[in-house]
Amino acid sequence: MSNTHLTRRTLLAGATAVALGAATGTAGATGTAGATGTARAAEPPTLWREFTRTPLTHPQIPYIGRAGCRAGASRLPRPRVVADVTAYGAVPDGTTDCAPAINRALAAAGRAGGGTVTIPPGTYRIDDVIRLGDSNVVLRGAGSGRTTLYATKNLTELIGVYGSRYGGDKSSWSWAGGLIWLAPRARWESLTAAIRDRAWPFEGWTGNRRDEWTTLTTVAPAERGSWTVTVADASALHPGRLVLLRLADDATHTLLQHMAGDGPGPASYVWDDKTKLTSYVPYEWPVRIHRVHGRRVTLERPLPLDIRPEWDPRLTTHVTELTGSGVEGLTLEAVQTPQSPHLLDKGYNGVVLQCAYDCWVDDVTVRHVDNGFGLVAASACTLRRTRVAGRGSHHPYFCREGSHDNLIEDFTIEERTVPAPANTQLHGINVEGLSSHNVWSRGDMRMGTFDSHRGLPFANVRTDITVDNNGRHGGDASAGPLFGARFTHWNIRVTNGRAGLMKIDGLAPYSATVGINEVREFDQTDVPDFTGDLHSRLELYGTTDAVRPRNLYDAQRALLR
């Protein structure tokens, strides 16, 4: 790891470079006035100056400078080509079912130890799920405007009815599964077997019943932002190994309070009846080991939370991960059907990454889908140059079931091409289920909202995004608060002037809203989950593109150079 530790000299050099970039125009456009914004010279807010002094422990802004595949690498891996789907029987005529041929080519690449499977230009009909179940396998089309997979069936037809483990008549295909599904082969097989048996599973790193893990070692107390931890026994640990940091809650829910920023508000909140939220605990954070020196273990990323003895901290095993795999350069188009009523989706879903680490999606469009791109117990993944188009989606993007450290950049949600049917909902970019340190950067949202779907997501960033804020958030009351601590909205342009889930200084504890045009409350209006002082910050309100640095993720990356 080339930049494990941040020195004072590195921080000052990075901050100076960002400031110079803003002054010369290389860090983004100069401040301009939008429809509801006020022109103002570009300026670094107080929060940014504070952050450069304490980047790993700032109370309102999370450190997300290593989010994404390979700690945010700008160049994604390019494994050698080992197969072409046409050699396995795929025909780009739009009528032949090519799913078996594509899946055979992907399986052959897996048996060969990895490589790229290419799909030449054309339209390929698929009547089944496309499965990437082996590490270091890449499915690459000729470009999202040249290679199309035309999906004729939904996940209910292909796998079965998928009910909710929380009861009721909801369809879990409303938030899970994809017609292109990246997941470890054994994990995918166990999930789909459980669905067919109607034994509705947990979907994360430790199996259908969250019991597929063993302890590697316990961990001594440490503070949020630390790169190095002390363990009781390092004999099973080695550089490059992916482990789970597991934190259980205690009887008084001090772990959940800590995720919400600690203090009187979280301490007085009623946690016990939030049964859906408490089912998400223990918190499981996947991370690679960088170095082992005696009992001192250096991690690939700094700790997202404190480690306290009362949370029984330990490093554990998990199901075998999918790593080094990706999907590139194609369009997935589902047969056009009306959008289903809310929470009754049939599963015309796009691309989902599950139990995946250091995986990616690049230059991919999905069209006419129920749900677009999903991160389900996925971490350290990058979605780049993705687009959701067509008749409208329930969740254009969803991030749930403890997904961490992911990067979604240069993304677009197009306007729907048909009016929304009655009793449907549009969420936008979703995050929930204790998911943390995820980044949405450089987005063009022509519909939707910043959907914090309860479940106490914390320390997530949305930056440099234009949004027509016409969606609504969701989330059961039993899932608890909309926000944990250290949510940051940085340089947000709201085209319809609606405040909901954009200006969050009155909703999210220990949060930052920086550089947003004037907005007002209408439609869905929420009240804070926590009482008392939220310790939230608001700067450069009523501006458009006046904040420097313009993009918080890019600026945090610059601090590491």
Protein backbone atom coordinates (compact mmCIF):
# COMPACT_ATOMS: atom_id res chain seq x y z
CA MET A 1 0.00 0.00 0.00
CA SER A 2 1.69 3.16 -1.21
CA ASN A 3 -0.05 5.61 1.10
CA THR A 4 -0.93 3.81 4.30
CA HIS A 5 -0.38 6.80 6.56
CA LEU A 6 -1.21 10.47 6.11
CA THR A 7 1.61 12.76 7.19
CA ARG A 8 1.23 16.44 7.98
CA ARG A 9 3.46 17.26 4.99
CA THR A 10 1.31 15.13 2.66
CA LEU A 11 -1.87 16.80 3.88
CA LEU A 12 -0.50 20.30 3.45
CA ALA A 13 0.83 19.52 -0.03
CA GLY A 14 -2.50 18.01 -1.09
CA ALA A 15 -4.53 20.85 0.35
CA THR A 16 -2.28 23.38 -1.37
CA ALA A 17 -2.63 21.57 -4.71
CA VAL A 18 -6.42 21.55 -4.41
CA ALA A 19 -6.49 25.24 -3.51
CA LEU A 20 -4.23 26.10 -6.44
CA GLY A 21 -6.42 24.03 -8.74
CA ALA A 22 -9.47 26.00 -7.63
CA ALA A 23 -7.67 29.27 -8.18
CA THR A 24 -6.54 28.38 -11.70
CA GLY A 25 -9.74 26.66 -12.72
CA THR A 26 -8.29 23.15 -12.94
CA ALA A 27 -10.33 21.84 -10.03
CA GLY A 28 -13.67 22.59 -11.66
CA ALA A 29 -15.70 25.41 -13.14
CA THR A 30 -15.80 28.79 -11.41
CA GLY A 31 -18.75 29.68 -9.23
CA THR A 32 -21.92 30.39 -11.18
CA ALA A 33 -25.51 31.10 -10.32
CA GLY A 34 -28.17 28.49 -10.93
CA ALA A 35 -31.93 28.95 -11.14
CA THR A 36 -32.17 29.22 -7.36
CA GLY A 37 -28.50 29.83 -6.50
CA THR A 38 -26.47 32.96 -5.86
CA ALA A 39 -23.27 33.72 -7.74
CA ARG A 40 -20.28 33.78 -5.41
CA ALA A 41 -16.55 33.53 -5.89
CA ALA A 42 -15.16 30.06 -5.40
CA GLU A 43 -14.02 29.61 -1.84
CA PRO A 44 -12.91 26.81 0.48
CA PRO A 45 -15.35 26.45 3.38
CA THR A 46 -14.23 26.33 7.00
CA LEU A 47 -15.15 22.65 7.05
CA TRP A 48 -12.59 21.86 4.35
CA ARG A 49 -9.80 23.64 6.21
CA GLU A 50 -10.76 21.72 9.34
CA PHE A 51 -10.85 18.45 7.47
CA THR A 52 -7.32 18.79 6.13
CA ARG A 53 -6.12 19.04 9.75
CA THR A 54 -8.03 15.96 10.99
CA PRO A 55 -9.02 13.95 7.89
CA LEU A 56 -9.43 10.59 9.60
CA THR A 57 -11.37 11.76 12.65
CA HIS A 58 -13.35 14.83 11.59
CA PRO A 59 -16.67 14.88 13.46
CA GLN A 60 -18.89 15.74 10.45
CA ILE A 61 -17.03 14.65 7.29
CA PRO A 62 -16.01 11.00 6.81
CA TYR A 63 -12.74 9.94 5.29
CA ILE A 64 -13.69 8.31 1.97
CA GLY A 65 -10.46 8.85 0.05
CA ARG A 66 -9.92 5.11 -0.48
CA ALA A 67 -13.46 4.21 -1.56
CA GLY A 68 -13.78 2.04 -4.64
CA CYS A 69 -12.03 -0.88 -6.30
CA ARG A 70 -8.35 -1.16 -5.40
CA ALA A 71 -8.67 1.76 -3.01
CA GLY A 72 -10.11 3.99 -5.75
CA ALA A 73 -7.65 3.23 -8.53
CA SER A 74 -8.36 5.28 -11.67
CA ARG A 75 -7.35 2.37 -13.93
CA LEU A 76 -9.31 -0.83 -13.60
CA PRO A 77 -7.65 -4.21 -14.27
CA ARG A 78 -7.49 -5.47 -17.88
CA PRO A 79 -7.07 -9.25 -17.74
CA ARG A 80 -6.17 -11.02 -20.98
CA VAL A 81 -8.94 -12.21 -23.29
CA VAL A 82 -9.54 -15.94 -22.86
CA ALA A 83 -12.90 -16.44 -24.60
CA ASP A 84 -15.40 -14.97 -27.02
CA VAL A 85 -19.05 -15.83 -26.43
CA THR A 86 -19.64 -16.52 -30.12
CA ALA A 87 -17.18 -19.43 -29.88
CA TYR A 88 -19.55 -20.96 -27.33
CA GLY A 89 -22.64 -20.58 -29.51
CA ALA A 90 -23.87 -17.02 -28.86
CA VAL A 91 -25.49 -15.45 -31.93
CA PRO A 92 -26.19 -11.68 -32.13
CA ASP A 93 -29.51 -12.07 -33.94
CA GLY A 94 -31.79 -10.88 -31.11
CA THR A 95 -33.81 -14.12 -31.17
CA THR A 96 -31.48 -16.97 -30.13
CA ASP A 97 -31.23 -17.54 -26.38
CA CYS A 98 -27.56 -16.76 -25.73
CA ALA A 99 -27.56 -17.05 -21.93
CA PRO A 100 -26.29 -20.67 -21.95
CA ALA A 101 -23.43 -19.78 -24.28
CA ILE A 102 -22.42 -16.69 -22.28
CA ASN A 103 -22.54 -18.62 -19.01
CA ARG A 104 -20.48 -21.46 -20.50
CA ALA A 105 -17.83 -18.95 -21.61
CA LEU A 106 -17.76 -17.34 -18.17
CA ALA A 107 -17.47 -20.72 -16.44
CA ALA A 108 -14.61 -21.70 -18.76
CA ALA A 109 -12.79 -18.46 -17.90
CA GLY A 110 -13.24 -19.27 -14.22
CA ARG A 111 -11.79 -22.75 -14.66
CA ALA A 112 -8.82 -21.21 -16.47
CA GLY A 113 -8.08 -19.05 -13.43
CA GLY A 114 -9.62 -15.87 -14.81
CA GLY A 115 -9.55 -13.66 -17.87
CA THR A 116 -11.80 -11.57 -20.07
CA VAL A 117 -14.80 -12.92 -21.95
CA THR A 118 -15.72 -10.70 -24.89
CA ILE A 119 -19.11 -10.07 -26.48
CA PRO A 120 -18.88 -8.60 -29.99
CA PRO A 121 -21.29 -5.89 -31.16
CA GLY A 122 -24.91 -6.85 -31.66
CA THR A 123 -28.05 -7.80 -29.75
CA TYR A 124 -28.03 -11.07 -27.79
CA ARG A 125 -31.22 -12.45 -26.33
CA ILE A 126 -30.87 -13.92 -22.83
CA ASP A 127 -33.57 -16.06 -21.20
CA ASP A 128 -31.63 -16.67 -17.97
CA VAL A 129 -29.44 -14.93 -15.41
CA ILE A 130 -25.88 -14.13 -16.52
CA ARG A 131 -23.71 -15.33 -13.63
CA LEU A 132 -20.19 -14.18 -12.79
CA GLY A 133 -19.28 -16.54 -9.99
CA ASP A 134 -15.49 -16.82 -10.28
CA SER A 135 -12.86 -14.30 -9.28
CA ASN A 136 -10.76 -12.45 -11.86
CA VAL A 137 -13.32 -12.96 -14.64
CA VAL A 138 -14.45 -9.95 -16.69
CA LEU A 139 -17.40 -9.83 -19.10
CA ARG A 140 -16.68 -7.16 -21.72
CA GLY A 141 -18.92 -5.97 -24.51
CA ALA A 142 -17.91 -3.64 -27.34
CA GLY A 143 -19.43 -0.62 -25.57
CA SER A 144 -22.79 0.26 -24.06
CA GLY A 145 -23.93 1.63 -27.40
CA ARG A 146 -22.80 -1.42 -29.39
CA THR A 147 -23.42 -4.62 -27.37
CA THR A 148 -26.90 -5.28 -25.97
CA LEU A 149 -28.17 -8.16 -23.85
CA TYR A 150 -31.93 -8.38 -24.29
CA ALA A 151 -33.52 -10.01 -21.23
CA THR A 152 -36.91 -11.63 -21.74
CA LYS A 153 -37.63 -13.05 -18.27
CA ASN A 154 -37.63 -11.82 -14.68
CA LEU A 155 -36.14 -13.33 -11.54
CA THR A 156 -39.50 -14.57 -10.26
CA GLU A 157 -39.81 -16.69 -13.41
CA LEU A 158 -36.19 -17.81 -13.38
CA ILE A 159 -35.63 -18.49 -9.67
CA GLY A 160 -38.97 -18.21 -7.90
CA VAL A 161 -41.03 -16.03 -5.62
CA TYR A 162 -38.76 -14.29 -3.11
CA GLY A 163 -40.56 -13.22 0.06
CA SER A 164 -39.19 -10.97 2.77
CA ARG A 165 -37.51 -12.42 5.85
CA TYR A 166 -39.38 -9.71 7.79
CA GLY A 167 -42.80 -11.01 6.81
CA GLY A 168 -45.66 -9.59 4.81
CA ASP A 169 -46.38 -9.96 1.10
CA LYS A 170 -43.37 -7.96 -0.16
CA SER A 171 -41.16 -9.24 -2.94
CA SER A 172 -37.46 -9.19 -2.07
CA TRP A 173 -36.77 -8.87 -5.78
CA SER A 174 -37.67 -5.24 -5.06
CA TRP A 175 -34.20 -4.81 -3.56
CA ALA A 176 -32.14 -7.90 -4.42
CA GLY A 177 -30.81 -9.91 -7.34
CA GLY A 178 -29.84 -9.03 -10.88
CA LEU A 179 -30.17 -10.42 -14.37
CA ILE A 180 -26.41 -9.92 -14.42
CA TRP A 181 -25.38 -11.19 -10.99
CA LEU A 182 -21.83 -11.02 -9.67
CA ALA A 183 -21.53 -13.23 -6.58
CA PRO A 184 -19.28 -16.10 -5.46
CA ARG A 185 -20.55 -19.28 -7.07
CA ALA A 186 -21.19 -21.14 -3.80
CA ARG A 187 -22.90 -18.10 -2.26
CA TRP A 188 -25.20 -17.68 -5.28
CA GLU A 189 -26.13 -21.36 -5.21
CA SER A 190 -26.95 -21.27 -1.49
CA LEU A 191 -29.02 -18.10 -1.88
CA THR A 192 -31.08 -19.37 -4.79
CA ALA A 193 -31.58 -22.78 -3.12
CA ALA A 194 -32.92 -21.03 -0.02
CA ILE A 195 -35.26 -18.89 -2.13
CA ARG A 196 -36.62 -21.94 -3.92
CA ASP A 197 -37.15 -23.60 -0.52
CA ARG A 198 -38.88 -20.42 0.74
CA ALA A 199 -36.37 -20.20 3.59
CA TRP A 200 -35.82 -16.48 3.12
CA PRO A 201 -32.09 -15.90 3.71
CA PHE A 202 -29.81 -13.24 5.05
CA GLU A 203 -27.81 -12.06 2.06
CA GLY A 204 -24.43 -11.08 3.45
CA TRP A 205 -20.91 -12.26 4.12
CA THR A 206 -21.72 -14.91 6.74
CA GLY A 207 -24.33 -17.05 5.02
CA ASN A 208 -28.07 -17.50 4.91
CA ARG A 209 -28.32 -17.73 8.70
CA ARG A 210 -25.28 -15.55 9.46
CA ASP A 211 -23.49 -18.53 10.99
CA GLU A 212 -20.79 -19.24 8.40
CA TRP A 213 -17.83 -17.64 10.17
CA THR A 214 -15.11 -18.50 12.64
CA THR A 215 -12.97 -16.26 14.79
CA LEU A 216 -9.44 -15.61 13.61
CA THR A 217 -8.48 -13.41 16.56
CA THR A 218 -9.85 -10.86 18.98
CA VAL A 219 -8.89 -7.21 18.65
CA ALA A 220 -7.71 -4.70 21.26
CA PRO A 221 -9.42 -1.31 21.65
CA ALA A 222 -8.62 1.27 18.95
CA GLU A 223 -9.95 4.59 17.71
CA ARG A 224 -11.79 5.44 14.52
CA GLY A 225 -9.29 6.45 11.84
CA SER A 226 -6.55 4.09 12.99
CA TRP A 227 -4.80 2.12 10.24
CA THR A 228 -3.25 -0.39 12.64
CA VAL A 229 -4.83 -2.63 15.27
CA THR A 230 -3.38 -4.95 17.89
CA VAL A 231 -4.67 -8.52 17.87
CA ALA A 232 -4.42 -11.35 20.37
CA ASP A 233 -3.08 -13.86 17.83
CA ALA A 234 -1.82 -13.01 14.33
CA SER A 235 -0.90 -16.57 13.31
CA ALA A 236 -3.83 -16.87 10.84
CA LEU A 237 -3.31 -13.43 9.32
CA HIS A 238 -1.16 -12.49 6.34
CA PRO A 239 -0.89 -9.60 3.87
CA GLY A 240 -3.59 -9.67 1.22
CA ARG A 241 -6.05 -11.73 3.24
CA LEU A 242 -9.61 -10.40 3.32
CA VAL A 243 -11.13 -10.54 6.81
CA LEU A 244 -14.26 -9.26 8.49
CA LEU A 245 -14.06 -6.87 11.40
CA ARG A 246 -17.04 -7.95 13.48
CA LEU A 247 -18.59 -5.63 16.08
CA ALA A 248 -21.57 -6.85 18.13
CA ASP A 249 -23.86 -4.47 20.00
CA ASP A 250 -24.40 -4.50 23.76
CA ALA A 251 -27.63 -4.45 25.77
CA THR A 252 -27.79 -0.66 25.86
CA HIS A 253 -27.03 -0.32 22.12
CA THR A 254 -23.88 1.74 22.53
CA LEU A 255 -22.63 0.53 19.13
CA LEU A 256 -25.70 1.96 17.38
CA GLN A 257 -25.31 5.14 19.43
CA HIS A 258 -21.71 5.39 18.27
CA MET A 259 -22.78 5.04 14.63
CA ALA A 260 -25.13 7.97 15.27
CA GLY A 261 -22.35 10.12 16.72
CA ASP A 262 -22.80 9.36 20.44
CA GLY A 263 -24.12 12.01 22.83
CA PRO A 264 -27.49 12.70 24.53
CA GLY A 265 -29.69 12.37 21.42
CA PRO A 266 -28.64 8.84 20.45
CA ALA A 267 -28.48 7.86 24.15
CA SER A 268 -32.14 8.79 24.66
CA TYR A 269 -33.37 7.23 21.40
CA VAL A 270 -35.51 4.10 21.73
CA TRP A 271 -33.56 1.35 20.00
CA ASP A 272 -35.14 -1.83 21.37
CA ASP A 273 -38.30 -1.73 19.24
CA LYS A 274 -36.33 -1.14 15.99
CA THR A 275 -36.25 -4.87 15.30
CA LYS A 276 -35.32 -4.62 11.63
CA LEU A 277 -32.38 -2.36 12.49
CA THR A 278 -31.13 -4.57 15.31
CA SER A 279 -31.22 -7.57 12.95
CA TYR A 280 -28.45 -5.86 10.93
CA VAL A 281 -26.06 -6.07 13.88
CA PRO A 282 -23.31 -7.34 14.23
CA TYR A 283 -21.65 -4.79 12.00
CA GLU A 284 -19.41 -6.60 9.51
CA TRP A 285 -16.71 -4.62 7.71
CA PRO A 286 -14.59 -6.43 5.10
CA VAL A 287 -11.01 -5.22 4.79
CA ARG A 288 -7.75 -6.55 3.39
CA ILE A 289 -4.70 -6.89 5.58
CA HIS A 290 -1.74 -4.86 4.37
CA ARG A 291 0.98 -5.78 6.85
CA VAL A 292 1.50 -8.01 9.88
CA HIS A 293 4.27 -7.19 12.34
CA GLY A 294 4.07 -9.29 15.47
CA ARG A 295 0.60 -8.67 16.86
CA ARG A 296 0.29 -5.35 15.04
CA VAL A 297 -1.86 -5.57 11.91
CA THR A 298 -2.06 -2.73 9.37
CA LEU A 299 -5.25 -2.55 7.32
CA GLU A 300 -5.92 -1.40 3.76
CA ARG A 301 -8.29 1.29 5.04
CA PRO A 302 -8.57 3.17 8.34
CA LEU A 303 -11.09 1.98 10.91
CA PRO A 304 -14.63 3.25 10.25
CA LEU A 305 -15.57 3.14 13.95
CA ASP A 306 -14.00 2.91 17.35
CA ILE A 307 -13.22 -0.57 18.64
CA ARG A 308 -14.42 -1.03 22.22
CA PRO A 309 -14.29 -4.14 24.41
CA GLU A 310 -18.06 -4.11 25.06
CA TRP A 311 -18.65 -4.85 21.36
CA ASP A 312 -16.69 -8.11 21.41
CA PRO A 313 -14.43 -7.01 18.53
CA ARG A 314 -12.82 -9.74 16.46
CA LEU A 315 -11.51 -10.52 13.00
CA THR A 316 -13.37 -13.44 11.42
CA THR A 317 -13.67 -15.56 8.32
CA HIS A 318 -16.55 -15.24 5.86
CA VAL A 319 -17.89 -16.90 2.74
CA THR A 320 -15.34 -16.95 -0.07
CA GLU A 321 -15.40 -13.56 -1.74
CA LEU A 322 -15.70 -12.66 -5.41
CA THR A 323 -12.76 -10.40 -6.26
CA GLY A 324 -11.18 -8.94 -9.37
CA SER A 325 -14.28 -9.42 -11.53
CA GLY A 326 -16.19 -6.91 -13.60
CA VAL A 327 -18.75 -6.14 -16.30
CA GLU A 328 -17.93 -3.59 -18.99
CA GLY A 329 -19.16 -2.06 -22.19
CA LEU A 330 -22.72 -3.28 -22.67
CA THR A 331 -26.40 -2.45 -22.34
CA LEU A 332 -28.79 -4.73 -20.48
CA GLU A 333 -32.29 -4.11 -21.79
CA ALA A 334 -35.25 -5.88 -20.24
CA VAL A 335 -38.40 -6.58 -22.19
CA GLN A 336 -40.58 -3.54 -21.57
CA THR A 337 -43.34 -4.20 -19.04
CA PRO A 338 -45.28 -1.81 -16.76
CA GLN A 339 -43.55 -0.96 -13.49
CA SER A 340 -44.96 -3.10 -10.66
CA PRO A 341 -46.74 -1.72 -7.59
CA HIS A 342 -44.46 -0.72 -4.76
CA LEU A 343 -42.54 -3.65 -3.19
CA LEU A 344 -44.05 -6.17 -5.61
CA ASP A 345 -41.30 -6.13 -8.22
CA LYS A 346 -40.97 -9.27 -10.31
CA GLY A 347 -37.23 -8.90 -10.74
CA TYR A 348 -36.49 -7.32 -14.08
CA ASN A 349 -33.32 -6.12 -12.36
CA GLY A 350 -30.04 -4.92 -13.80
CA VAL A 351 -26.53 -5.59 -12.44
CA VAL A 352 -25.95 -6.65 -8.84
CA LEU A 353 -22.68 -7.19 -6.96
CA GLN A 354 -23.03 -9.39 -3.88
CA CYS A 355 -20.34 -10.57 -1.45
CA ALA A 356 -17.93 -8.90 -3.88
CA TYR A 357 -14.73 -7.02 -3.04
CA ASP A 358 -12.53 -5.11 -5.50
CA CYS A 359 -14.99 -5.68 -8.35
CA TRP A 360 -16.40 -3.17 -10.84
CA VAL A 361 -18.94 -2.15 -13.47
CA ASP A 362 -17.85 0.27 -16.20
CA ASP A 363 -19.71 1.75 -19.20
CA VAL A 364 -22.93 -0.17 -18.62
CA THR A 365 -26.51 0.99 -19.29
CA VAL A 366 -29.64 -0.73 -18.02
CA ARG A 367 -33.02 -0.05 -19.57
CA HIS A 368 -36.64 -0.86 -18.62
CA VAL A 369 -35.58 -2.46 -15.31
CA ASP A 370 -37.33 -2.69 -11.95
CA ASN A 371 -34.06 -1.96 -10.15
CA GLY A 372 -30.88 -0.80 -11.84
CA PHE A 373 -27.52 -1.33 -10.13
CA GLY A 374 -27.24 -3.03 -6.75
CA LEU A 375 -24.61 -3.39 -4.04
CA VAL A 376 -25.64 -6.10 -1.58
CA ALA A 377 -23.04 -6.86 1.10
CA ALA A 378 -20.53 -5.58 -1.45
CA SER A 379 -17.48 -3.54 -0.52
CA ALA A 380 -14.60 -1.73 -2.20
CA CYS A 381 -16.32 -1.87 -5.60
CA THR A 382 -16.52 0.79 -8.32
CA LEU A 383 -19.47 1.60 -10.58
CA ARG A 384 -18.27 3.99 -13.27
CA ARG A 385 -20.06 5.49 -16.29
CA THR A 386 -23.34 3.72 -15.54
CA ARG A 387 -26.78 4.78 -16.70
CA VAL A 388 -30.38 3.86 -15.87
CA ALA A 389 -32.86 4.53 -18.66
CA GLY A 390 -36.28 3.55 -19.96
CA ARG A 391 -39.70 3.17 -18.39
CA GLY A 392 -38.69 4.04 -14.83
CA SER A 393 -37.26 2.13 -11.89
CA HIS A 394 -38.10 1.48 -8.26
CA HIS A 395 -34.44 1.68 -7.13
CA PRO A 396 -32.20 2.98 -9.93
CA TYR A 397 -29.28 2.36 -7.53
CA PHE A 398 -29.41 0.45 -4.24
CA CYS A 399 -26.74 -0.03 -1.59
CA ARG A 400 -27.70 -2.24 1.33
CA GLU A 401 -27.07 -5.19 3.65
CA GLY A 402 -23.85 -3.74 5.02
CA SER A 403 -22.14 -2.45 1.87
CA HIS A 404 -19.08 -0.31 2.53
CA ASP A 405 -16.36 1.73 0.81
CA ASN A 406 -17.95 1.65 -2.66
CA LEU A 407 -17.63 4.35 -5.34
CA ILE A 408 -20.39 5.23 -7.80
CA GLU A 409 -19.12 7.93 -10.16
CA ASP A 410 -20.15 9.54 -13.45
CA PHE A 411 -23.64 8.08 -13.18
CA THR A 412 -26.90 9.09 -14.87
CA ILE A 413 -30.56 8.47 -14.08
CA GLU A 414 -32.55 9.47 -17.14
CA GLU A 415 -36.12 10.74 -17.12
CA ARG A 416 -38.62 7.93 -17.44
CA THR A 417 -40.00 7.33 -20.91
CA VAL A 418 -43.54 6.50 -19.77
CA PRO A 419 -45.65 8.01 -16.96
CA ALA A 420 -45.34 6.33 -13.56
CA PRO A 421 -48.18 3.88 -12.94
CA ALA A 422 -50.31 4.35 -9.82
CA ASN A 423 -49.01 2.89 -6.53
CA THR A 424 -45.37 2.81 -7.64
CA GLN A 425 -42.46 4.62 -6.01
CA LEU A 426 -39.20 6.10 -7.23
CA HIS A 427 -36.34 6.24 -4.74
CA GLY A 428 -33.19 7.25 -6.64
CA ILE A 429 -29.80 6.51 -5.05
CA ASN A 430 -30.54 4.30 -2.07
CA VAL A 431 -28.44 3.46 0.97
CA GLU A 432 -29.49 1.49 4.05
CA GLY A 433 -28.69 -1.36 6.41
CA LEU A 434 -25.64 0.04 8.30
CA SER A 435 -23.89 0.69 4.97
CA SER A 436 -21.02 3.13 5.39
CA HIS A 437 -18.29 5.12 3.62
CA ASN A 438 -19.91 4.87 0.19
CA VAL A 439 -19.55 7.71 -2.34
CA TRP A 440 -21.80 8.96 -5.12
CA SER A 441 -19.82 11.39 -7.28
CA ARG A 442 -20.47 13.38 -10.46
CA GLY A 443 -24.08 12.38 -10.98
CA ASP A 444 -26.83 13.56 -13.31
CA MET A 445 -30.15 12.59 -11.69
CA ARG A 446 -33.01 13.68 -13.90
CA MET A 447 -35.39 12.08 -11.43
CA GLY A 448 -35.22 10.46 -8.00
CA THR A 449 -33.84 11.53 -4.64
CA PHE A 450 -31.05 10.81 -2.15
CA ASP A 451 -32.86 7.86 -0.62
CA SER A 452 -31.59 7.15 2.89
CA HIS A 453 -33.84 4.16 3.40
CA ARG A 454 -33.52 4.06 7.19
CA GLY A 455 -31.43 1.27 8.69
CA LEU A 456 -28.91 3.80 10.09
CA PRO A 457 -26.52 4.20 7.15
CA PHE A 458 -23.63 6.42 8.25
CA ALA A 459 -20.54 8.21 6.94
CA ASN A 460 -21.67 8.31 3.30
CA VAL A 461 -20.94 11.11 0.81
CA ARG A 462 -22.85 12.54 -2.15
CA THR A 463 -20.83 15.12 -4.08
CA ASP A 464 -21.00 17.12 -7.32
CA ILE A 465 -24.48 15.95 -8.32
CA THR A 466 -27.34 17.63 -10.18
CA VAL A 467 -30.75 16.28 -9.15
CA ASP A 468 -34.38 16.92 -10.00
CA ASN A 469 -35.51 15.96 -6.50
CA ASN A 470 -38.86 14.33 -7.30
CA GLY A 471 -38.48 10.95 -5.59
CA ARG A 472 -39.40 9.77 -2.11
CA HIS A 473 -37.43 7.89 0.50
CA GLY A 474 -38.65 4.61 1.99
CA GLY A 475 -37.90 2.44 4.99
CA ASP A 476 -39.91 0.68 7.67
CA ALA A 477 -40.23 2.42 11.03
CA SER A 478 -38.67 -0.69 12.58
CA ALA A 479 -35.52 0.02 10.55
CA GLY A 480 -34.74 3.01 12.76
CA PRO A 481 -33.10 6.33 11.86
CA LEU A 482 -32.71 7.74 8.38
CA PHE A 483 -29.14 8.83 9.07
CA GLY A 484 -26.23 8.01 11.28
CA ALA A 485 -23.30 10.34 11.77
CA ARG A 486 -21.00 11.92 9.18
CA PHE A 487 -23.29 12.11 6.18
CA THR A 488 -21.98 14.76 3.80
CA HIS A 489 -23.71 16.46 0.87
CA TRP A 490 -21.12 18.58 -0.97
CA ASN A 491 -21.83 20.70 -4.04
CA ILE A 492 -25.39 19.63 -4.82
CA ARG A 493 -27.50 21.35 -7.48
CA VAL A 494 -31.23 20.84 -6.89
CA THR A 495 -33.10 21.85 -10.03
CA ASN A 496 -36.64 21.87 -8.58
CA GLY A 497 -35.80 23.58 -5.28
CA ARG A 498 -37.04 20.78 -3.02
CA ALA A 499 -35.15 20.42 0.27
CA GLY A 500 -36.13 16.88 1.27
CA LEU A 501 -33.06 14.65 1.81
CA MET A 502 -30.81 17.27 0.17
CA LYS A 503 -30.32 19.87 2.91
CA ILE A 504 -29.79 17.61 5.89
CA ASP A 505 -28.45 19.90 8.61
CA GLY A 506 -31.79 19.62 10.42
CA LEU A 507 -32.07 15.85 10.03
CA ALA A 508 -28.71 14.06 10.15
CA PRO A 509 -26.54 14.07 13.29
CA TYR A 510 -22.93 15.25 12.94
CA SER A 511 -23.53 15.92 9.24
CA ALA A 512 -22.31 18.47 6.69
CA THR A 513 -24.30 20.19 3.95
CA VAL A 514 -21.91 22.33 1.91
CA GLY A 515 -22.57 24.22 -1.31
CA ILE A 516 -26.25 23.70 -2.11
CA ASN A 517 -28.63 26.16 -3.76
CA GLU A 518 -31.65 27.56 -1.93
CA VAL A 519 -34.31 24.91 -1.34
CA ARG A 520 -37.62 24.70 0.50
CA GLU A 521 -39.63 22.02 2.23
CA PHE A 522 -42.48 20.44 0.28
CA ASP A 523 -43.84 16.96 -0.46
CA GLN A 524 -42.32 14.36 1.91
CA THR A 525 -41.09 16.21 5.00
CA ASP A 526 -39.23 14.49 7.83
CA VAL A 527 -38.41 15.34 11.42
CA PRO A 528 -35.11 14.50 13.14
CA ASP A 529 -34.82 11.06 14.68
CA PHE A 530 -32.67 12.40 17.52
CA THR A 531 -33.50 15.13 20.03
CA GLY A 532 -31.29 18.01 21.06
CA ASP A 533 -28.33 19.52 19.21
CA LEU A 534 -27.57 17.48 16.09
CA HIS A 535 -24.08 19.03 15.79
CA SER A 536 -24.69 19.36 12.04
CA ARG A 537 -23.03 21.98 9.84
CA LEU A 538 -24.26 24.09 6.92
CA GLU A 539 -21.93 26.18 4.75
CA LEU A 540 -22.22 28.05 1.47
CA TYR A 541 -25.99 27.64 1.47
CA GLY A 542 -27.73 29.36 -1.42
CA THR A 543 -24.88 28.87 -3.88
CA THR A 544 -24.31 26.84 -7.00
CA ASP A 545 -20.85 25.44 -7.72
CA ALA A 546 -19.23 28.00 -5.43
CA VAL A 547 -17.55 25.53 -3.10
CA ARG A 548 -13.91 24.61 -3.55
CA PRO A 549 -12.91 21.88 -3.74
CA ARG A 550 -15.81 21.18 -6.06
CA ASN A 551 -15.74 17.40 -5.60
CA LEU A 552 -15.10 16.12 -2.09
CA TYR A 553 -14.01 12.64 -3.15
CA ASP A 554 -11.49 13.92 -5.70
CA ALA A 555 -10.13 16.35 -3.13
CA GLN A 556 -9.71 13.66 -0.51
CA ARG A 557 -7.86 11.56 -3.09
CA ALA A 558 -5.56 14.53 -3.72
CA LEU A 559 -4.62 14.62 -0.05
CA LEU A 560 -2.99 11.21 -0.44
CA ARG A 561 -0.69 12.13 -3.33
